[in-house]
Amino acid sequence: MKFVTFINAYPDKYSDMFLLLKSMHVPDGISIISSYFIFGKPDAMVIFECGDESKALKFVETFAGVGDTETHVIVSVERI
């Protein structure tokens, strides 16, 4: 499954968010497709693939200390 996580950084955590995204530890079972810093809201986006929802949730928890997160499952248009 593919997921997209949007991150809205806490006002005092922008630097921490940038550092975390640039040097994030990616656990086994997670494959980062791409990540972006965004000018505007949300502040960042991470697109990743994972076959296990509980692993995906654990990975997203990595960002909880730097901002509010919102995660969605994404499906390629070609698969519909």
N, C-alpha and C. Protein backbone atom coordinates (compact mmCIF):
# COMPACT_ATOMS: atom_id res chain seq x y z
N MET A 1 0.83 -1.17 0.00
CA MET A 1 0.00 0.00 0.00
C MET A 1 0.88 1.24 0.00
N LYS A 2 0.37 2.27 -0.66
CA LYS A 2 1.07 3.56 -0.66
C LYS A 2 0.33 4.53 0.25
N PHE A 3 1.11 5.34 0.95
CA PHE A 3 0.57 6.31 1.89
C PHE A 3 1.17 7.67 1.60
N VAL A 4 0.43 8.72 1.96
CA VAL A 4 0.97 10.07 1.96
C VAL A 4 0.71 10.65 3.35
N THR A 5 1.74 11.20 3.95
CA THR A 5 1.62 11.87 5.24
C THR A 5 1.94 13.33 5.06
N PHE A 6 1.01 14.18 5.49
CA PHE A 6 1.19 15.62 5.48
C PHE A 6 1.58 16.04 6.89
N ILE A 7 2.53 16.96 6.99
CA ILE A 7 3.00 17.44 8.29
C ILE A 7 2.86 18.95 8.36
N ASN A 8 2.16 19.42 9.38
CA ASN A 8 2.10 20.84 9.70
C ASN A 8 2.96 21.04 10.94
N ALA A 9 4.11 21.67 10.76
CA ALA A 9 5.07 21.82 11.86
C ALA A 9 4.53 22.72 12.95
N TYR A 10 4.84 22.36 14.20
CA TYR A 10 4.56 23.25 15.31
C TYR A 10 5.43 24.49 15.13
N PRO A 11 4.96 25.68 15.50
CA PRO A 11 5.71 26.92 15.25
C PRO A 11 7.16 26.89 15.74
N ASP A 12 7.43 26.25 16.85
CA ASP A 12 8.79 26.21 17.38
C ASP A 12 9.57 24.98 16.94
N LYS A 13 9.02 24.20 15.97
CA LYS A 13 9.66 22.94 15.57
C LYS A 13 10.01 22.86 14.08
N TYR A 14 9.97 24.00 13.38
CA TYR A 14 10.30 23.96 11.95
C TYR A 14 11.69 23.38 11.71
N SER A 15 12.68 23.86 12.43
CA SER A 15 14.05 23.38 12.25
C SER A 15 14.15 21.89 12.54
N ASP A 16 13.47 21.46 13.59
CA ASP A 16 13.48 20.03 13.94
C ASP A 16 12.82 19.20 12.84
N MET A 17 11.74 19.71 12.26
CA MET A 17 11.07 18.99 11.18
C MET A 17 11.98 18.84 9.97
N PHE A 18 12.66 19.94 9.58
CA PHE A 18 13.56 19.87 8.44
C PHE A 18 14.69 18.87 8.70
N LEU A 19 15.26 18.91 9.87
CA LEU A 19 16.34 17.99 10.22
C LEU A 19 15.85 16.55 10.22
N LEU A 20 14.69 16.31 10.79
CA LEU A 20 14.12 14.97 10.83
C LEU A 20 13.90 14.42 9.43
N LEU A 21 13.33 15.22 8.55
CA LEU A 21 13.05 14.75 7.19
C LEU A 21 14.33 14.51 6.40
N LYS A 22 15.34 15.34 6.62
CA LYS A 22 16.59 15.18 5.88
C LYS A 22 17.39 13.97 6.34
N SER A 23 17.21 13.57 7.61
CA SER A 23 18.03 12.48 8.13
C SER A 23 17.19 11.39 8.79
N MET A 24 15.94 11.21 8.32
CA MET A 24 15.06 10.26 8.98
C MET A 24 15.54 8.83 8.84
N HIS A 25 15.32 8.08 9.90
CA HIS A 25 15.61 6.65 9.91
C HIS A 25 14.40 5.94 9.30
N VAL A 26 14.64 5.16 8.28
CA VAL A 26 13.56 4.43 7.62
C VAL A 26 13.64 2.97 8.04
N PRO A 27 12.65 2.51 8.80
CA PRO A 27 12.69 1.13 9.29
C PRO A 27 12.46 0.11 8.18
N ASP A 28 12.83 -1.13 8.46
CA ASP A 28 12.56 -2.22 7.52
C ASP A 28 11.07 -2.29 7.25
N GLY A 29 10.71 -2.55 6.02
CA GLY A 29 9.31 -2.66 5.65
C GLY A 29 8.70 -1.36 5.14
N ILE A 30 9.45 -0.26 5.25
CA ILE A 30 9.00 1.05 4.76
C ILE A 30 9.90 1.45 3.60
N SER A 31 9.29 1.88 2.52
CA SER A 31 10.04 2.36 1.37
C SER A 31 9.59 3.79 1.06
N ILE A 32 10.50 4.75 1.19
CA ILE A 32 10.18 6.14 0.89
C ILE A 32 10.16 6.32 -0.63
N ILE A 33 9.06 6.82 -1.14
CA ILE A 33 8.94 7.11 -2.57
C ILE A 33 9.48 8.50 -2.83
N SER A 34 9.03 9.47 -2.02
CA SER A 34 9.54 10.84 -2.12
C SER A 34 9.11 11.63 -0.89
N SER A 35 9.81 12.72 -0.65
CA SER A 35 9.43 13.62 0.43
C SER A 35 9.69 15.04 -0.04
N TYR A 36 8.86 15.96 0.46
CA TYR A 36 8.90 17.33 0.00
C TYR A 36 8.72 18.30 1.15
N PHE A 37 9.40 19.43 1.08
CA PHE A 37 9.09 20.59 1.91
C PHE A 37 8.17 21.44 1.05
N ILE A 38 7.16 22.04 1.66
CA ILE A 38 6.16 22.78 0.90
C ILE A 38 6.12 24.22 1.41
N PHE A 39 6.09 25.19 0.49
CA PHE A 39 5.89 26.58 0.87
C PHE A 39 4.40 26.78 1.05
N GLY A 40 3.95 26.84 2.27
CA GLY A 40 2.53 26.92 2.59
C GLY A 40 2.14 25.76 3.46
N LYS A 41 0.86 25.59 3.65
CA LYS A 41 0.37 24.50 4.48
C LYS A 41 -0.14 23.37 3.62
N PRO A 42 0.17 22.14 3.89
CA PRO A 42 1.04 21.68 4.96
C PRO A 42 2.49 22.07 4.69
N ASP A 43 3.35 21.87 5.70
CA ASP A 43 4.76 22.26 5.59
C ASP A 43 5.61 21.20 4.91
N ALA A 44 5.17 19.96 4.96
CA ALA A 44 5.95 18.87 4.36
C ALA A 44 5.02 17.72 4.01
N MET A 45 5.54 16.84 3.14
CA MET A 45 4.79 15.68 2.70
C MET A 45 5.76 14.53 2.48
N VAL A 46 5.38 13.35 2.95
CA VAL A 46 6.18 12.14 2.74
C VAL A 46 5.29 11.10 2.09
N ILE A 47 5.72 10.58 0.95
CA ILE A 47 5.00 9.50 0.27
C ILE A 47 5.82 8.24 0.46
N PHE A 48 5.18 7.21 0.98
CA PHE A 48 5.90 5.97 1.25
C PHE A 48 5.04 4.76 0.99
N GLU A 49 5.70 3.61 0.92
CA GLU A 49 5.02 2.35 0.68
C GLU A 49 5.29 1.42 1.85
N CYS A 50 4.25 0.68 2.22
CA CYS A 50 4.37 -0.27 3.32
C CYS A 50 3.26 -1.30 3.19
N GLY A 51 3.58 -2.54 3.42
CA GLY A 51 2.58 -3.60 3.31
C GLY A 51 1.83 -3.87 4.61
N ASP A 52 2.19 -3.19 5.66
CA ASP A 52 1.63 -3.46 6.98
C ASP A 52 1.18 -2.14 7.62
N GLU A 53 -0.12 -2.01 7.86
CA GLU A 53 -0.65 -0.76 8.40
C GLU A 53 -0.06 -0.41 9.76
N SER A 54 0.20 -1.41 10.59
CA SER A 54 0.76 -1.12 11.93
C SER A 54 2.18 -0.57 11.81
N LYS A 55 2.96 -1.06 10.86
CA LYS A 55 4.31 -0.51 10.62
C LYS A 55 4.21 0.91 10.09
N ALA A 56 3.23 1.15 9.22
CA ALA A 56 3.03 2.49 8.67
C ALA A 56 2.68 3.46 9.79
N LEU A 57 1.80 3.04 10.69
CA LEU A 57 1.42 3.89 11.82
C LEU A 57 2.62 4.20 12.70
N LYS A 58 3.42 3.19 12.99
CA LYS A 58 4.61 3.38 13.82
C LYS A 58 5.57 4.37 13.15
N PHE A 59 5.72 4.27 11.82
CA PHE A 59 6.59 5.19 11.09
C PHE A 59 6.07 6.62 11.19
N VAL A 60 4.77 6.81 11.00
CA VAL A 60 4.18 8.15 11.06
C VAL A 60 4.34 8.76 12.44
N GLU A 61 4.34 7.94 13.48
CA GLU A 61 4.54 8.44 14.85
C GLU A 61 5.87 9.15 15.00
N THR A 62 6.83 8.85 14.11
CA THR A 62 8.13 9.52 14.11
C THR A 62 7.97 11.04 14.01
N PHE A 63 6.94 11.48 13.31
CA PHE A 63 6.76 12.91 13.05
C PHE A 63 5.91 13.61 14.10
N ALA A 64 5.33 12.87 15.03
CA ALA A 64 4.41 13.44 16.02
C ALA A 64 5.05 14.51 16.89
N GLY A 65 6.34 14.44 17.13
CA GLY A 65 7.00 15.42 17.97
C GLY A 65 7.29 16.75 17.31
N VAL A 66 7.16 16.80 15.99
CA VAL A 66 7.48 18.04 15.28
C VAL A 66 6.27 18.74 14.68
N GLY A 67 5.14 18.06 14.65
CA GLY A 67 3.96 18.69 14.06
C GLY A 67 2.75 17.79 14.04
N ASP A 68 1.67 18.37 13.58
CA ASP A 68 0.44 17.60 13.39
C ASP A 68 0.54 16.85 12.07
N THR A 69 0.13 15.60 12.07
CA THR A 69 0.21 14.79 10.86
C THR A 69 -1.17 14.36 10.40
N GLU A 70 -1.27 14.12 9.12
CA GLU A 70 -2.48 13.57 8.52
C GLU A 70 -2.01 12.59 7.46
N THR A 71 -2.46 11.35 7.55
CA THR A 71 -2.00 10.30 6.64
C THR A 71 -3.18 9.70 5.88
N HIS A 72 -2.96 9.46 4.60
CA HIS A 72 -3.98 8.88 3.73
C HIS A 72 -3.37 7.73 2.93
N VAL A 73 -4.20 6.75 2.60
CA VAL A 73 -3.81 5.72 1.65
C VAL A 73 -4.03 6.32 0.27
N ILE A 74 -3.08 6.11 -0.63
CA ILE A 74 -3.23 6.62 -1.99
C ILE A 74 -3.25 5.46 -2.98
N VAL A 75 -4.03 5.64 -4.04
CA VAL A 75 -4.17 4.61 -5.07
C VAL A 75 -3.89 5.26 -6.41
N SER A 76 -3.03 4.64 -7.17
CA SER A 76 -2.70 5.15 -8.51
C SER A 76 -3.93 5.12 -9.40
N VAL A 77 -4.10 6.14 -10.19
CA VAL A 77 -5.23 6.21 -11.12
C VAL A 77 -5.19 5.03 -12.08
N GLU A 78 -4.02 4.59 -12.46
CA GLU A 78 -3.88 3.47 -13.40
C GLU A 78 -4.45 2.18 -12.83
N ARG A 79 -4.55 2.06 -11.50
CA ARG A 79 -5.05 0.83 -10.88
C ARG A 79 -6.57 0.80 -10.79
N ILE A 80 -7.21 1.91 -11.13
CA ILE A 80 -8.68 1.96 -11.01
C ILE A 80 -9.31 1.63 -12.34
